[in-house]
C-alpha cells in the first residue's frame, strides 16, 4: 500500500485551524457543541460527546489516502454501532455531530445529515436483553439485505431470514464470525455460544456444523432444512437471553 500523504496536504483547511476539532467548531451549524481532538493525531480524529448517557461520544475520523471523513456512533454497553457513514463535506459531519450531541432520535440524525447510515440497531437504554436481542436481529437482517447482490449474498440473506423465522433461534442472540451465523444465550460483550453454526455456501447449499469452519452436521439444498437441523441440535431447556457482562 502506498504511503499516505501528510494529513496537512489532504486537509489544509483543517491544518490551518490546528485540529479537526477546531475545524468542526468553525462550522456554524455546530454552534457551541464541545468537540475534542487527541493530542496524538489532532488533524485526523475528533469526538463529540452526547447529552444522552446511553450514547458513546461520536467518533469522527479523516481518511488517510483521500479527502473524506467517517463517523461511528455506538451504544456503550456492547460497543455496537447505531450509526455510521462517510462524506466529503465537513459541514455534513458537523450537522450529524450536533444532532448526536443533542440527543436527536436516530431517524432525526439521518434527516439532519442524509449521509448518515442507520445500522438497524435501536437504542436500549435499560439494557433489556430481549430488546438487545431484537435489535441485533434487526441489524443483521438489514446488513444481509444491504449486501451487494450475488449468489452467495442472496444465499446468506435467505439463511438469515430462515433463521429469524424460527422462534427457537429468534429467541437467541445472533452474531457472525466470518459470515457464519451463530447464536448465544448472552448478549455482548461476553457471548455464550449455543447450538451449531449455519453457513451459506457459494454453490447454493447450506451447511450446519459444530464449529464455524466445519459443516460436519450436514449440507442441505435449502436454508429451511439447515435451520431445522440447527433447531434439533439446540441444548434442551435453554432459558431466555441474559446480559453478557
Foldseek 3Di string as FASTA:
>chain_A
DDDFDDLCVQCVVQVVQPALQSSLCPQVLLPPFHKDADPVHRHFWIWGQAPDLQKGTKIKGADRRHQKIKIFIAGPQFRDTQKMFMDNDSNLVSQLSNCRRDVHAPVVSCVSRVRIDGLQAHGDVVPPVQNNQVRQLRSVLVVLVPDDDDQQSVQLNQLSVLQCVDVVSSQFRWDDDPSKIFTALADPPAGHTWFWIWGQDSVQKIATDNDRVDRVVDIGNHSNVNSVVRSVRTDPPRDGRYHRD
